[in-house]
């Protein structure tokens, strides 16, 4: 006899708020990733060519599980992008390497 007391989880509709300033986005060309046992910290940085300083434009702190989901989502979207627009070439110097020359 099946257990009829078990309930299926109800779907929750999440309303996402996007402030106007955040909606504008921020261009970045470098990310630095650090982690501890319980969280990942990703700093998104803009490096200007020929400038010795760079500015962190956003810092995201996330759990390891969410970070793994984020990597999977980015990988999935990059595969879709490359199918539509062609291979993304990742060679060449990184923005911070240009400062060394």
C-alpha atoms as a PDB file:
ATOM      1  CA  UNK A   1       0.000   0.000   0.000  1.00  0.00           C
ATOM      2  CA  UNK A   2       1.569   3.325  -1.028  1.00  0.00           C
ATOM      3  CA  UNK A   3       2.315   5.954   1.578  1.00  0.00           C
ATOM      4  CA  UNK A   4      -0.186   8.712   0.837  1.00  0.00           C
ATOM      5  CA  UNK A   5       1.216  11.062   3.481  1.00  0.00           C
ATOM      6  CA  UNK A   6       4.198  12.009   1.315  1.00  0.00           C
ATOM      7  CA  UNK A   7       3.692  15.313  -0.442  1.00  0.00           C
ATOM      8  CA  UNK A   8       5.333  16.422  -3.629  1.00  0.00           C
ATOM      9  CA  UNK A   9       7.246  19.666  -3.249  1.00  0.00           C
ATOM     10  CA  UNK A  10       5.244  22.675  -4.331  1.00  0.00           C
ATOM     11  CA  UNK A  11       6.707  24.866  -7.034  1.00  0.00           C
ATOM     12  CA  UNK A  12       7.724  28.271  -5.799  1.00  0.00           C
ATOM     13  CA  UNK A  13       7.596  31.238  -8.149  1.00  0.00           C
ATOM     14  CA  UNK A  14      10.532  33.473  -7.371  1.00  0.00           C
ATOM     15  CA  UNK A  15      10.214  37.121  -8.256  1.00  0.00           C
ATOM     16  CA  UNK A  16      13.646  38.428  -9.147  1.00  0.00           C
ATOM     17  CA  UNK A  17      14.349  42.082  -8.531  1.00  0.00           C
ATOM     18  CA  UNK A  18      16.870  43.750 -10.830  1.00  0.00           C
ATOM     19  CA  UNK A  19      17.886  47.256  -9.817  1.00  0.00           C
ATOM     20  CA  UNK A  20      18.521  49.690 -12.655  1.00  0.00           C
ATOM     21  CA  UNK A  21      22.203  50.104 -11.758  1.00  0.00           C
ATOM     22  CA  UNK A  22      22.796  46.343 -11.671  1.00  0.00           C
ATOM     23  CA  UNK A  23      20.867  45.908 -14.934  1.00  0.00           C
ATOM     24  CA  UNK A  24      23.472  48.075 -16.682  1.00  0.00           C
ATOM     25  CA  UNK A  25      26.085  45.399 -16.039  1.00  0.00           C
ATOM     26  CA  UNK A  26      29.819  45.875 -15.743  1.00  0.00           C
ATOM     27  CA  UNK A  27      32.411  44.944 -18.333  1.00  0.00           C
ATOM     28  CA  UNK A  28      35.187  42.748 -16.936  1.00  0.00           C
ATOM     29  CA  UNK A  29      38.135  41.061 -18.588  1.00  0.00           C
ATOM     30  CA  UNK A  30      39.675  39.143 -15.693  1.00  0.00           C
ATOM     31  CA  UNK A  31      38.341  36.937 -12.920  1.00  0.00           C
ATOM     32  CA  UNK A  32      40.221  35.727  -9.867  1.00  0.00           C
ATOM     33  CA  UNK A  33      38.906  32.719  -7.984  1.00  0.00           C
ATOM     34  CA  UNK A  34      39.690  31.715  -4.415  1.00  0.00           C
ATOM     35  CA  UNK A  35      38.086  29.120  -2.199  1.00  0.00           C
ATOM     36  CA  UNK A  36      37.867  27.757   1.301  1.00  0.00           C
ATOM     37  CA  UNK A  37      36.266  24.526   2.448  1.00  0.00           C
ATOM     38  CA  UNK A  38      32.820  26.148   2.518  1.00  0.00           C
ATOM     39  CA  UNK A  39      32.755  28.798  -0.205  1.00  0.00           C
ATOM     40  CA  UNK A  40      34.152  30.135  -3.454  1.00  0.00           C
ATOM     41  CA  UNK A  41      34.942  33.813  -3.952  1.00  0.00           C
ATOM     42  CA  UNK A  42      35.073  35.148  -7.499  1.00  0.00           C
ATOM     43  CA  UNK A  43      36.343  38.677  -8.099  1.00  0.00           C
ATOM     44  CA  UNK A  44      35.401  40.135 -11.482  1.00  0.00           C
ATOM     45  CA  UNK A  45      37.999  42.714 -12.490  1.00  0.00           C
ATOM     46  CA  UNK A  46      38.475  45.257 -15.251  1.00  0.00           C
ATOM     47  CA  UNK A  47      42.086  45.736 -16.339  1.00  0.00           C
ATOM     48  CA  UNK A  48      42.748  48.753 -18.556  1.00  0.00           C
ATOM     49  CA  UNK A  49      45.475  48.290 -21.160  1.00  0.00           C
ATOM     50  CA  UNK A  50      48.807  49.822 -20.144  1.00  0.00           C
ATOM     51  CA  UNK A  51      47.549  50.703 -16.645  1.00  0.00           C
ATOM     52  CA  UNK A  52      49.196  49.348 -13.500  1.00  0.00           C
ATOM     53  CA  UNK A  53      45.946  49.296 -11.512  1.00  0.00           C
ATOM     54  CA  UNK A  54      42.841  47.190 -11.927  1.00  0.00           C
ATOM     55  CA  UNK A  55      39.470  47.536 -10.239  1.00  0.00           C
ATOM     56  CA  UNK A  56      37.257  44.821  -8.818  1.00  0.00           C
ATOM     57  CA  UNK A  57      33.823  45.549 -10.272  1.00  0.00           C
ATOM     58  CA  UNK A  58      31.974  42.726  -8.517  1.00  0.00           C
ATOM     59  CA  UNK A  59      32.644  40.022  -5.936  1.00  0.00           C
ATOM     60  CA  UNK A  60      30.507  36.900  -5.803  1.00  0.00           C
ATOM     61  CA  UNK A  61      30.682  34.535  -2.828  1.00  0.00           C
ATOM     62  CA  UNK A  62      29.005  31.192  -3.378  1.00  0.00           C
ATOM     63  CA  UNK A  63      28.708  27.682  -1.973  1.00  0.00           C
ATOM     64  CA  UNK A  64      30.644  24.845  -3.649  1.00  0.00           C
ATOM     65  CA  UNK A  65      27.375  23.261  -4.874  1.00  0.00           C
ATOM     66  CA  UNK A  66      26.157  26.481  -6.449  1.00  0.00           C
ATOM     67  CA  UNK A  67      29.595  27.153  -7.958  1.00  0.00           C
ATOM     68  CA  UNK A  68      29.519  23.734  -9.620  1.00  0.00           C
ATOM     69  CA  UNK A  69      26.027  24.469 -10.990  1.00  0.00           C
ATOM     70  CA  UNK A  70      27.259  27.832 -12.277  1.00  0.00           C
ATOM     71  CA  UNK A  71      30.189  26.185 -14.071  1.00  0.00           C
ATOM     72  CA  UNK A  72      27.794  23.669 -15.657  1.00  0.00           C
ATOM     73  CA  UNK A  73      25.455  26.476 -16.782  1.00  0.00           C
ATOM     74  CA  UNK A  74      28.341  28.498 -18.240  1.00  0.00           C
ATOM     75  CA  UNK A  75      29.715  25.435 -20.027  1.00  0.00           C
ATOM     76  CA  UNK A  76      26.292  24.610 -21.475  1.00  0.00           C
ATOM     77  CA  UNK A  77      25.809  28.182 -22.692  1.00  0.00           C
ATOM     78  CA  UNK A  78      29.306  28.380 -24.197  1.00  0.00           C
ATOM     79  CA  UNK A  79      28.667  25.168 -26.145  1.00  0.00           C
ATOM     80  CA  UNK A  80      25.394  26.643 -27.462  1.00  0.00           C
ATOM     81  CA  UNK A  81      27.142  29.921 -28.317  1.00  0.00           C
ATOM     82  CA  UNK A  82      29.893  28.149 -30.264  1.00  0.00           C
ATOM     83  CA  UNK A  83      27.359  26.059 -32.189  1.00  0.00           C
ATOM     84  CA  UNK A  84      25.646  29.260 -33.267  1.00  0.00           C
ATOM     85  CA  UNK A  85      28.558  31.675 -33.738  1.00  0.00           C
ATOM     86  CA  UNK A  86      31.665  29.498 -34.068  1.00  0.00           C
ATOM     87  CA  UNK A  87      34.592  28.507 -31.910  1.00  0.00           C
ATOM     88  CA  UNK A  88      35.778  31.018 -29.304  1.00  0.00           C
ATOM     89  CA  UNK A  89      39.533  31.485 -29.532  1.00  0.00           C
ATOM     90  CA  UNK A  90      41.055  31.736 -26.063  1.00  0.00           C
ATOM     91  CA  UNK A  91      44.688  32.164 -27.090  1.00  0.00           C
ATOM     92  CA  UNK A  92      46.743  35.295 -26.724  1.00  0.00           C
ATOM     93  CA  UNK A  93      47.831  37.231 -23.662  1.00  0.00           C
ATOM     94  CA  UNK A  94      45.525  37.733 -20.728  1.00  0.00           C
ATOM     95  CA  UNK A  95      44.728  41.375 -19.868  1.00  0.00           C
ATOM     96  CA  UNK A  96      47.065  41.396 -16.873  1.00  0.00           C
ATOM     97  CA  UNK A  97      49.892  39.910 -18.975  1.00  0.00           C
ATOM     98  CA  UNK A  98      49.717  42.907 -21.309  1.00  0.00           C
ATOM     99  CA  UNK A  99      50.809  45.086 -18.385  1.00  0.00           C
ATOM    100  CA  UNK A 100      54.120  43.255 -18.209  1.00  0.00           C
ATOM    101  CA  UNK A 101      55.191  44.335 -21.722  1.00  0.00           C
END
